[in-house]
């Protein structure tokens, strides 16, 4: 039995080496750089915990995490809630009344934003939200600078991220619903249960593992979001949409402050690890 197990480990070696080279080594190098003052050229100078001490006093850093909380709502909580209702409606109502092909077509439409490159989607939304010739202002007769007004920019980015993220939970939840025993729904219909009661008492408890997976992966995506911010607002106007990943990028490449940017990235990575651990512990208790 041990010989067979050893044989299986050989197939894991390429993945482990790739993980080591692509993830572990760069992460350790980043942690090492966070204890230095370095412009990216020349020899780094060891400064100990100075970057982390500066980080704790940096208002922009804490403000960026406040914005991240809003993006967690937009990318994890809202899409999960809406995705649950849409998936249940497609599976339990649309699929039965209009056929599985209609449900599959609608599911593909919801998932389409996930297929689009972030840069393409961001540029299109930038056109639509432009204050002079944007389609949103033209259609609704408004005169708003959606991405240029500090009071509107974060809410606008959050709305775009809901649109972008919604298809992912819909697909995951519909896949989870495939394993639910149809007898539960048939018995509930015979007893006169409404669609909402079937959703609340059958659908939601049965796909709880999928809900945990979606919440975890979407929360991680929100914490490390970079592409949409880079394309839509570059963290502006002012610091209205600044997030930790973009703040780290600014220090790395625009300010040539590699040590401080590394400290920001290290803290962000540790927060993601802690959040993942907490999610997994809660899921284990639920089981």
C-alpha atoms as a PDB file:
ATOM      1  CA  UNK A   1       0.000   0.000   0.000  1.00  0.00           C
ATOM      2  CA  UNK A   2       2.883   2.351   0.849  1.00  0.00           C
ATOM      3  CA  UNK A   3       4.495   1.625  -2.523  1.00  0.00           C
ATOM      4  CA  UNK A   4       1.329   2.719  -4.295  1.00  0.00           C
ATOM      5  CA  UNK A   5       1.146   5.883  -2.205  1.00  0.00           C
ATOM      6  CA  UNK A   6       4.744   6.749  -3.076  1.00  0.00           C
ATOM      7  CA  UNK A   7       3.866   6.398  -6.741  1.00  0.00           C
ATOM      8  CA  UNK A   8       1.081   8.957  -6.385  1.00  0.00           C
ATOM      9  CA  UNK A   9       3.465  11.500  -4.867  1.00  0.00           C
ATOM     10  CA  UNK A  10       5.561  11.492  -8.031  1.00  0.00           C
ATOM     11  CA  UNK A  11       2.657  13.029  -9.935  1.00  0.00           C
ATOM     12  CA  UNK A  12       2.516  15.876  -7.406  1.00  0.00           C
ATOM     13  CA  UNK A  13       6.174  16.844  -7.820  1.00  0.00           C
ATOM     14  CA  UNK A  14       5.666  19.127 -10.884  1.00  0.00           C
ATOM     15  CA  UNK A  15       2.825  21.001  -9.169  1.00  0.00           C
ATOM     16  CA  UNK A  16       4.765  21.303  -5.926  1.00  0.00           C
ATOM     17  CA  UNK A  17       7.803  22.659  -7.769  1.00  0.00           C
ATOM     18  CA  UNK A  18       5.624  25.155  -9.651  1.00  0.00           C
ATOM     19  CA  UNK A  19       3.969  26.221  -6.395  1.00  0.00           C
ATOM     20  CA  UNK A  20       7.382  26.637  -4.784  1.00  0.00           C
ATOM     21  CA  UNK A  21       8.816  28.710  -7.650  1.00  0.00           C
ATOM     22  CA  UNK A  22       5.728  30.838  -8.400  1.00  0.00           C
ATOM     23  CA  UNK A  23       4.215  31.303  -4.920  1.00  0.00           C
ATOM     24  CA  UNK A  24       6.508  30.437  -2.012  1.00  0.00           C
ATOM     25  CA  UNK A  25       9.817  31.903  -3.205  1.00  0.00           C
ATOM     26  CA  UNK A  26       8.328  35.255  -4.424  1.00  0.00           C
ATOM     27  CA  UNK A  27       6.351  35.564  -1.182  1.00  0.00           C
ATOM     28  CA  UNK A  28       9.472  35.024   0.956  1.00  0.00           C
ATOM     29  CA  UNK A  29      11.412  37.505  -1.209  1.00  0.00           C
ATOM     30  CA  UNK A  30       8.593  40.017  -0.754  1.00  0.00           C
ATOM     31  CA  UNK A  31       8.651  39.535   3.013  1.00  0.00           C
ATOM     32  CA  UNK A  32      12.423  40.040   3.022  1.00  0.00           C
ATOM     33  CA  UNK A  33      12.134  43.229   0.948  1.00  0.00           C
ATOM     34  CA  UNK A  34       9.540  44.616   3.375  1.00  0.00           C
ATOM     35  CA  UNK A  35      12.279  44.978   6.010  1.00  0.00           C
ATOM     36  CA  UNK A  36      14.418  47.149   3.729  1.00  0.00           C
ATOM     37  CA  UNK A  37      14.521  50.573   2.122  1.00  0.00           C
ATOM     38  CA  UNK A  38      15.020  49.924  -1.579  1.00  0.00           C
ATOM     39  CA  UNK A  39      14.198  51.770  -4.785  1.00  0.00           C
ATOM     40  CA  UNK A  40      14.380  48.613  -6.908  1.00  0.00           C
ATOM     41  CA  UNK A  41      17.917  49.464  -8.074  1.00  0.00           C
ATOM     42  CA  UNK A  42      21.118  48.981  -6.121  1.00  0.00           C
ATOM     43  CA  UNK A  43      21.552  47.319  -2.757  1.00  0.00           C
ATOM     44  CA  UNK A  44      18.618  47.216  -0.309  1.00  0.00           C
ATOM     45  CA  UNK A  45      19.275  48.771   3.117  1.00  0.00           C
ATOM     46  CA  UNK A  46      17.986  46.911   6.162  1.00  0.00           C
ATOM     47  CA  UNK A  47      15.648  49.079   8.286  1.00  0.00           C
ATOM     48  CA  UNK A  48      13.884  46.432  10.374  1.00  0.00           C
ATOM     49  CA  UNK A  49      10.239  47.128  11.194  1.00  0.00           C
ATOM     50  CA  UNK A  50      10.273  50.779  10.064  1.00  0.00           C
ATOM     51  CA  UNK A  51       8.015  50.081   7.056  1.00  0.00           C
ATOM     52  CA  UNK A  52       5.446  48.347   9.249  1.00  0.00           C
ATOM     53  CA  UNK A  53       5.588  51.140  11.840  1.00  0.00           C
ATOM     54  CA  UNK A  54       4.988  53.645   9.067  1.00  0.00           C
ATOM     55  CA  UNK A  55       2.162  51.480   7.735  1.00  0.00           C
ATOM     56  CA  UNK A  56       0.285  51.597  11.045  1.00  0.00           C
ATOM     57  CA  UNK A  57       0.324  55.402  10.946  1.00  0.00           C
ATOM     58  CA  UNK A  58      -0.521  55.754   7.246  1.00  0.00           C
ATOM     59  CA  UNK A  59      -4.083  57.044   6.831  1.00  0.00           C
ATOM     60  CA  UNK A  60      -4.128  56.118   3.124  1.00  0.00           C
ATOM     61  CA  UNK A  61      -3.411  52.502   4.029  1.00  0.00           C
ATOM     62  CA  UNK A  62      -6.307  52.275   6.498  1.00  0.00           C
ATOM     63  CA  UNK A  63      -8.579  54.178   4.125  1.00  0.00           C
ATOM     64  CA  UNK A  64      -7.787  51.646   1.398  1.00  0.00           C
ATOM     65  CA  UNK A  65      -8.941  48.814   3.665  1.00  0.00           C
ATOM     66  CA  UNK A  66     -12.180  50.677   4.396  1.00  0.00           C
ATOM     67  CA  UNK A  67     -12.784  50.767   0.651  1.00  0.00           C
ATOM     68  CA  UNK A  68     -12.011  47.043   0.551  1.00  0.00           C
ATOM     69  CA  UNK A  69     -14.877  46.405   2.956  1.00  0.00           C
ATOM     70  CA  UNK A  70     -17.229  48.035   0.468  1.00  0.00           C
ATOM     71  CA  UNK A  71     -15.823  45.889  -2.331  1.00  0.00           C
ATOM     72  CA  UNK A  72     -16.325  42.746  -0.223  1.00  0.00           C
ATOM     73  CA  UNK A  73     -19.991  43.714  -0.007  1.00  0.00           C
ATOM     74  CA  UNK A  74     -20.105  44.318  -3.777  1.00  0.00           C
ATOM     75  CA  UNK A  75     -18.105  41.256  -4.845  1.00  0.00           C
ATOM     76  CA  UNK A  76     -19.051  38.655  -2.224  1.00  0.00           C
ATOM     77  CA  UNK A  77     -22.174  39.404  -0.201  1.00  0.00           C
ATOM     78  CA  UNK A  78     -24.456  41.010  -2.800  1.00  0.00           C
ATOM     79  CA  UNK A  79     -23.589  38.610  -5.695  1.00  0.00           C
ATOM     80  CA  UNK A  80     -24.003  35.625  -3.359  1.00  0.00           C
ATOM     81  CA  UNK A  81     -27.441  36.765  -2.198  1.00  0.00           C
ATOM     82  CA  UNK A  82     -28.658  37.640  -5.698  1.00  0.00           C
ATOM     83  CA  UNK A  83     -26.984  34.567  -7.182  1.00  0.00           C
ATOM     84  CA  UNK A  84     -28.809  32.282  -4.758  1.00  0.00           C
ATOM     85  CA  UNK A  85     -32.191  33.644  -5.780  1.00  0.00           C
ATOM     86  CA  UNK A  86     -31.359  33.625  -9.509  1.00  0.00           C
ATOM     87  CA  UNK A  87     -29.938  30.090  -9.441  1.00  0.00           C
ATOM     88  CA  UNK A  88     -32.942  28.773  -7.536  1.00  0.00           C
ATOM     89  CA  UNK A  89     -35.327  30.565  -9.920  1.00  0.00           C
ATOM     90  CA  UNK A  90     -33.531  29.209 -13.005  1.00  0.00           C
ATOM     91  CA  UNK A  91     -33.418  25.696 -11.613  1.00  0.00           C
ATOM     92  CA  UNK A  92     -36.758  25.378  -9.853  1.00  0.00           C
ATOM     93  CA  UNK A  93     -38.971  27.679 -11.947  1.00  0.00           C
ATOM     94  CA  UNK A  94     -37.526  28.706 -15.335  1.00  0.00           C
ATOM     95  CA  UNK A  95     -36.134  25.244 -16.064  1.00  0.00           C
ATOM     96  CA  UNK A  96     -39.471  23.558 -15.330  1.00  0.00           C
ATOM     97  CA  UNK A  97     -41.707  26.093 -17.045  1.00  0.00           C
ATOM     98  CA  UNK A  98     -39.625  27.051 -20.102  1.00  0.00           C
ATOM     99  CA  UNK A  99     -37.211  24.138 -20.418  1.00  0.00           C
ATOM    100  CA  UNK A 100     -33.592  23.466 -19.529  1.00  0.00           C
ATOM    101  CA  UNK A 101     -32.291  25.179 -22.687  1.00  0.00           C
ATOM    102  CA  UNK A 102     -33.794  28.500 -21.628  1.00  0.00           C
ATOM    103  CA  UNK A 103     -32.305  28.137 -18.157  1.00  0.00           C
ATOM    104  CA  UNK A 104     -28.905  27.275 -19.626  1.00  0.00           C
ATOM    105  CA  UNK A 105     -29.008  30.262 -21.990  1.00  0.00           C
ATOM    106  CA  UNK A 106     -29.829  32.634 -19.139  1.00  0.00           C
ATOM    107  CA  UNK A 107     -27.075  31.102 -17.009  1.00  0.00           C
ATOM    108  CA  UNK A 108     -24.576  31.702 -19.827  1.00  0.00           C
ATOM    109  CA  UNK A 109     -25.723  35.321 -20.126  1.00  0.00           C
ATOM    110  CA  UNK A 110     -25.155  35.911 -16.427  1.00  0.00           C
ATOM    111  CA  UNK A 111     -21.705  34.301 -16.649  1.00  0.00           C
ATOM    112  CA  UNK A 112     -20.597  36.265 -19.720  1.00  0.00           C
ATOM    113  CA  UNK A 113     -18.950  39.137 -17.735  1.00  0.00           C
ATOM    114  CA  UNK A 114     -16.660  36.566 -16.096  1.00  0.00           C
ATOM    115  CA  UNK A 115     -15.388  35.531 -19.516  1.00  0.00           C
ATOM    116  CA  UNK A 116     -14.605  39.075 -20.645  1.00  0.00           C
ATOM    117  CA  UNK A 117     -11.074  40.344 -19.916  1.00  0.00           C
ATOM    118  CA  UNK A 118     -11.062  42.839 -17.054  1.00  0.00           C
ATOM    119  CA  UNK A 119      -9.401  45.476 -19.260  1.00  0.00           C
ATOM    120  CA  UNK A 120     -12.087  45.175 -21.946  1.00  0.00           C
ATOM    121  CA  UNK A 121     -14.963  45.289 -19.462  1.00  0.00           C
ATOM    122  CA  UNK A 122     -13.371  48.238 -17.666  1.00  0.00           C
ATOM    123  CA  UNK A 123     -12.889  50.249 -20.855  1.00  0.00           C
ATOM    124  CA  UNK A 124     -16.488  49.621 -21.948  1.00  0.00           C
ATOM    125  CA  UNK A 125     -17.832  50.686 -18.547  1.00  0.00           C
ATOM    126  CA  UNK A 126     -15.576  53.750 -18.694  1.00  0.00           C
ATOM    127  CA  UNK A 127     -17.243  54.735 -21.968  1.00  0.00           C
ATOM    128  CA  UNK A 128     -20.718  54.103 -20.601  1.00  0.00           C
ATOM    129  CA  UNK A 129     -20.052  56.136 -17.457  1.00  0.00           C
ATOM    130  CA  UNK A 130     -18.295  59.054 -19.162  1.00  0.00           C
ATOM    131  CA  UNK A 131     -19.812  62.372 -18.007  1.00  0.00           C
ATOM    132  CA  UNK A 132     -19.958  63.891 -21.519  1.00  0.00           C
ATOM    133  CA  UNK A 133     -20.952  61.110 -23.897  1.00  0.00           C
ATOM    134  CA  UNK A 134     -21.621  58.130 -21.623  1.00  0.00           C
ATOM    135  CA  UNK A 135     -24.659  55.990 -22.343  1.00  0.00           C
ATOM    136  CA  UNK A 136     -25.843  56.008 -18.713  1.00  0.00           C
ATOM    137  CA  UNK A 137     -26.176  59.792 -18.577  1.00  0.00           C
ATOM    138  CA  UNK A 138     -27.661  59.920 -22.083  1.00  0.00           C
ATOM    139  CA  UNK A 139     -30.329  57.284 -21.388  1.00  0.00           C
ATOM    140  CA  UNK A 140     -31.458  58.647 -18.025  1.00  0.00           C
ATOM    141  CA  UNK A 141     -30.960  62.343 -18.820  1.00  0.00           C
ATOM    142  CA  UNK A 142     -28.382  62.820 -16.064  1.00  0.00           C
ATOM    143  CA  UNK A 143     -25.303  65.002 -15.783  1.00  0.00           C
ATOM    144  CA  UNK A 144     -23.161  63.038 -13.316  1.00  0.00           C
ATOM    145  CA  UNK A 145     -19.449  62.306 -13.268  1.00  0.00           C
ATOM    146  CA  UNK A 146     -19.800  58.736 -12.032  1.00  0.00           C
ATOM    147  CA  UNK A 147     -16.085  57.948 -11.760  1.00  0.00           C
ATOM    148  CA  UNK A 148     -14.788  61.500 -11.245  1.00  0.00           C
ATOM    149  CA  UNK A 149     -16.946  62.531  -8.284  1.00  0.00           C
ATOM    150  CA  UNK A 150     -15.428  61.416  -4.925  1.00  0.00           C
ATOM    151  CA  UNK A 151     -18.919  60.919  -3.518  1.00  0.00           C
ATOM    152  CA  UNK A 152     -19.990  58.620  -6.382  1.00  0.00           C
ATOM    153  CA  UNK A 153     -16.808  56.857  -7.497  1.00  0.00           C
ATOM    154  CA  UNK A 154     -16.679  54.028  -4.931  1.00  0.00           C
ATOM    155  CA  UNK A 155     -20.413  53.288  -5.195  1.00  0.00           C
ATOM    156  CA  UNK A 156     -20.089  53.232  -9.001  1.00  0.00           C
ATOM    157  CA  UNK A 157     -17.157  50.819  -8.887  1.00  0.00           C
ATOM    158  CA  UNK A 158     -19.120  48.630  -6.447  1.00  0.00           C
ATOM    159  CA  UNK A 159     -22.078  48.518  -8.871  1.00  0.00           C
ATOM    160  CA  UNK A 160     -19.783  47.541 -11.743  1.00  0.00           C
ATOM    161  CA  UNK A 161     -18.230  44.782  -9.618  1.00  0.00           C
ATOM    162  CA  UNK A 162     -21.680  43.374  -8.756  1.00  0.00           C
ATOM    163  CA  UNK A 163     -22.355  43.096 -12.492  1.00  0.00           C
ATOM    164  CA  UNK A 164     -18.946  41.552 -13.110  1.00  0.00           C
ATOM    165  CA  UNK A 165     -19.118  39.025 -10.252  1.00  0.00           C
ATOM    166  CA  UNK A 166     -22.754  37.903 -10.398  1.00  0.00           C
ATOM    167  CA  UNK A 167     -22.359  35.089 -12.937  1.00  0.00           C
ATOM    168  CA  UNK A 168     -19.862  33.137 -10.832  1.00  0.00           C
ATOM    169  CA  UNK A 169     -22.198  32.309  -7.901  1.00  0.00           C
ATOM    170  CA  UNK A 170     -25.072  31.614 -10.307  1.00  0.00           C
ATOM    171  CA  UNK A 171     -23.047  28.906 -12.083  1.00  0.00           C
ATOM    172  CA  UNK A 172     -21.706  27.411  -8.831  1.00  0.00           C
ATOM    173  CA  UNK A 173     -25.139  27.317  -7.187  1.00  0.00           C
ATOM    174  CA  UNK A 174     -26.837  25.809 -10.229  1.00  0.00           C
ATOM    175  CA  UNK A 175     -24.174  23.091 -10.291  1.00  0.00           C
ATOM    176  CA  UNK A 176     -24.830  22.450  -6.593  1.00  0.00           C
ATOM    177  CA  UNK A 177     -28.563  22.218  -7.168  1.00  0.00           C
ATOM    178  CA  UNK A 178     -27.978  19.331  -9.575  1.00  0.00           C
ATOM    179  CA  UNK A 179     -27.189  17.063  -6.614  1.00  0.00           C
ATOM    180  CA  UNK A 180     -30.327  17.954  -4.625  1.00  0.00           C
ATOM    181  CA  UNK A 181     -32.840  15.104  -4.612  1.00  0.00           C
ATOM    182  CA  UNK A 182     -35.867  16.191  -6.739  1.00  0.00           C
ATOM    183  CA  UNK A 183     -38.103  14.264  -4.347  1.00  0.00           C
ATOM    184  CA  UNK A 184     -37.705  17.100  -1.824  1.00  0.00           C
ATOM    185  CA  UNK A 185     -39.192  19.634  -4.239  1.00  0.00           C
ATOM    186  CA  UNK A 186     -41.940  17.230  -5.364  1.00  0.00           C
ATOM    187  CA  UNK A 187     -42.977  16.556  -1.773  1.00  0.00           C
ATOM    188  CA  UNK A 188     -42.964  20.281  -0.987  1.00  0.00           C
ATOM    189  CA  UNK A 189     -45.119  21.071  -4.033  1.00  0.00           C
ATOM    190  CA  UNK A 190     -47.611  18.370  -3.040  1.00  0.00           C
ATOM    191  CA  UNK A 191     -47.808  19.916   0.422  1.00  0.00           C
ATOM    192  CA  UNK A 192     -48.551  23.296  -1.200  1.00  0.00           C
ATOM    193  CA  UNK A 193     -45.239  25.002  -0.390  1.00  0.00           C
ATOM    194  CA  UNK A 194     -44.643  28.229  -2.281  1.00  0.00           C
ATOM    195  CA  UNK A 195     -41.507  28.840  -4.330  1.00  0.00           C
ATOM    196  CA  UNK A 196     -40.043  31.032  -1.587  1.00  0.00           C
ATOM    197  CA  UNK A 197     -40.631  28.370   1.101  1.00  0.00           C
ATOM    198  CA  UNK A 198     -38.999  25.731  -1.132  1.00  0.00           C
ATOM    199  CA  UNK A 199     -36.046  28.056  -1.602  1.00  0.00           C
ATOM    200  CA  UNK A 200     -35.674  28.823   2.100  1.00  0.00           C
ATOM    201  CA  UNK A 201     -36.211  25.306   3.504  1.00  0.00           C
ATOM    202  CA  UNK A 202     -34.779  23.101   0.730  1.00  0.00           C
ATOM    203  CA  UNK A 203     -32.482  24.975  -1.639  1.00  0.00           C
ATOM    204  CA  UNK A 204     -30.542  27.038   0.879  1.00  0.00           C
ATOM    205  CA  UNK A 205     -29.743  24.236   3.364  1.00  0.00           C
ATOM    206  CA  UNK A 206     -28.839  21.768   0.609  1.00  0.00           C
ATOM    207  CA  UNK A 207     -26.244  23.987  -1.107  1.00  0.00           C
ATOM    208  CA  UNK A 208     -24.659  25.423   2.030  1.00  0.00           C
ATOM    209  CA  UNK A 209     -21.189  24.061   1.096  1.00  0.00           C
ATOM    210  CA  UNK A 210     -21.354  25.903  -2.231  1.00  0.00           C
ATOM    211  CA  UNK A 211     -22.327  29.097  -0.398  1.00  0.00           C
ATOM    212  CA  UNK A 212     -19.190  28.834   1.743  1.00  0.00           C
ATOM    213  CA  UNK A 213     -17.019  28.270  -1.332  1.00  0.00           C
ATOM    214  CA  UNK A 214     -18.482  31.264  -3.157  1.00  0.00           C
ATOM    215  CA  UNK A 215     -18.204  33.559  -0.138  1.00  0.00           C
ATOM    216  CA  UNK A 216     -14.592  32.530   0.460  1.00  0.00           C
ATOM    217  CA  UNK A 217     -13.377  32.848  -3.127  1.00  0.00           C
ATOM    218  CA  UNK A 218     -15.249  36.108  -3.736  1.00  0.00           C
ATOM    219  CA  UNK A 219     -13.974  37.623  -0.480  1.00  0.00           C
ATOM    220  CA  UNK A 220     -10.400  36.773  -1.447  1.00  0.00           C
ATOM    221  CA  UNK A 221     -10.990  38.261  -4.904  1.00  0.00           C
ATOM    222  CA  UNK A 222     -12.329  41.458  -3.293  1.00  0.00           C
ATOM    223  CA  UNK A 223      -9.371  41.759  -0.919  1.00  0.00           C
ATOM    224  CA  UNK A 224      -6.830  41.507  -3.734  1.00  0.00           C
ATOM    225  CA  UNK A 225      -8.812  43.328  -6.431  1.00  0.00           C
ATOM    226  CA  UNK A 226      -6.570  45.355  -8.726  1.00  0.00           C
ATOM    227  CA  UNK A 227      -7.548  45.210 -12.410  1.00  0.00           C
ATOM    228  CA  UNK A 228     -10.928  47.010 -12.252  1.00  0.00           C
ATOM    229  CA  UNK A 229      -9.494  49.766 -10.049  1.00  0.00           C
ATOM    230  CA  UNK A 230      -6.541  50.219 -12.379  1.00  0.00           C
ATOM    231  CA  UNK A 231      -8.725  50.441 -15.479  1.00  0.00           C
ATOM    232  CA  UNK A 232     -11.618  52.491 -14.094  1.00  0.00           C
ATOM    233  CA  UNK A 233     -10.230  54.999 -11.585  1.00  0.00           C
ATOM    234  CA  UNK A 234      -6.512  54.440 -10.800  1.00  0.00           C
ATOM    235  CA  UNK A 235      -7.499  54.753  -7.138  1.00  0.00           C
ATOM    236  CA  UNK A 236      -9.029  58.218  -7.644  1.00  0.00           C
ATOM    237  CA  UNK A 237     -10.456  60.707  -7.643  1.00  0.00           C
ATOM    238  CA  UNK A 238      -8.101  61.611  -4.824  1.00  0.00           C
ATOM    239  CA  UNK A 239      -8.086  58.408  -2.786  1.00  0.00           C
ATOM    240  CA  UNK A 240     -11.803  57.704  -3.131  1.00  0.00           C
ATOM    241  CA  UNK A 241     -11.328  54.219  -4.602  1.00  0.00           C
ATOM    242  CA  UNK A 242      -7.843  53.365  -3.307  1.00  0.00           C
ATOM    243  CA  UNK A 243      -7.427  49.701  -2.312  1.00  0.00           C
ATOM    244  CA  UNK A 244      -4.391  47.958  -0.721  1.00  0.00           C
ATOM    245  CA  UNK A 245      -3.294  46.142  -3.881  1.00  0.00           C
ATOM    246  CA  UNK A 246      -3.266  49.356  -5.915  1.00  0.00           C
ATOM    247  CA  UNK A 247      -1.633  51.246  -3.057  1.00  0.00           C
ATOM    248  CA  UNK A 248       1.123  48.632  -3.051  1.00  0.00           C
ATOM    249  CA  UNK A 249       1.476  48.995  -6.830  1.00  0.00           C
ATOM    250  CA  UNK A 250       1.846  52.774  -6.525  1.00  0.00           C
ATOM    251  CA  UNK A 251       4.688  52.417  -4.049  1.00  0.00           C
ATOM    252  CA  UNK A 252       6.359  49.674  -6.080  1.00  0.00           C
ATOM    253  CA  UNK A 253       6.329  51.211  -9.540  1.00  0.00           C
ATOM    254  CA  UNK A 254       5.488  54.925  -9.353  1.00  0.00           C
ATOM    255  CA  UNK A 255       7.214  55.958  -6.138  1.00  0.00           C
ATOM    256  CA  UNK A 256      10.043  53.376  -6.411  1.00  0.00           C
ATOM    257  CA  UNK A 257       9.540  52.549  -2.735  1.00  0.00           C
ATOM    258  CA  UNK A 258       9.823  48.782  -3.033  1.00  0.00           C
ATOM    259  CA  UNK A 259      10.276  48.137   0.673  1.00  0.00           C
ATOM    260  CA  UNK A 260       7.104  49.957   1.678  1.00  0.00           C
ATOM    261  CA  UNK A 261       5.141  48.416  -1.197  1.00  0.00           C
ATOM    262  CA  UNK A 262       6.352  44.982  -0.065  1.00  0.00           C
ATOM    263  CA  UNK A 263       5.161  45.681   3.474  1.00  0.00           C
ATOM    264  CA  UNK A 264       1.687  46.566   2.170  1.00  0.00           C
ATOM    265  CA  UNK A 265       1.597  43.402   0.037  1.00  0.00           C
ATOM    266  CA  UNK A 266       2.782  41.259   2.972  1.00  0.00           C
ATOM    267  CA  UNK A 267       0.087  42.573   5.300  1.00  0.00           C
ATOM    268  CA  UNK A 268      -2.545  42.024   2.611  1.00  0.00           C
ATOM    269  CA  UNK A 269      -1.356  38.446   2.031  1.00  0.00           C
ATOM    270  CA  UNK A 270      -1.448  37.689   5.770  1.00  0.00           C
ATOM    271  CA  UNK A 271      -4.975  39.098   6.040  1.00  0.00           C
ATOM    272  CA  UNK A 272      -6.100  36.867   3.151  1.00  0.00           C
ATOM    273  CA  UNK A 273      -4.519  33.830   4.854  1.00  0.00           C
ATOM    274  CA  UNK A 274      -6.278  34.629   8.155  1.00  0.00           C
ATOM    275  CA  UNK A 275      -9.631  35.172   6.423  1.00  0.00           C
ATOM    276  CA  UNK A 276      -9.251  31.865   4.571  1.00  0.00           C
ATOM    277  CA  UNK A 277      -8.416  30.051   7.814  1.00  0.00           C
ATOM    278  CA  UNK A 278     -11.460  31.522   9.577  1.00  0.00           C
ATOM    279  CA  UNK A 279     -13.768  30.583   6.693  1.00  0.00           C
ATOM    280  CA  UNK A 280     -12.478  27.014   6.708  1.00  0.00           C
ATOM    281  CA  UNK A 281     -12.885  26.725  10.470  1.00  0.00           C
ATOM    282  CA  UNK A 282     -16.490  27.945  10.295  1.00  0.00           C
ATOM    283  CA  UNK A 283     -17.207  25.533   7.442  1.00  0.00           C
ATOM    284  CA  UNK A 284     -15.713  22.648   9.421  1.00  0.00           C
ATOM    285  CA  UNK A 285     -17.929  23.463  12.389  1.00  0.00           C
ATOM    286  CA  UNK A 286     -20.996  23.583  10.143  1.00  0.00           C
ATOM    287  CA  UNK A 287     -20.203  20.096   8.906  1.00  0.00           C
END
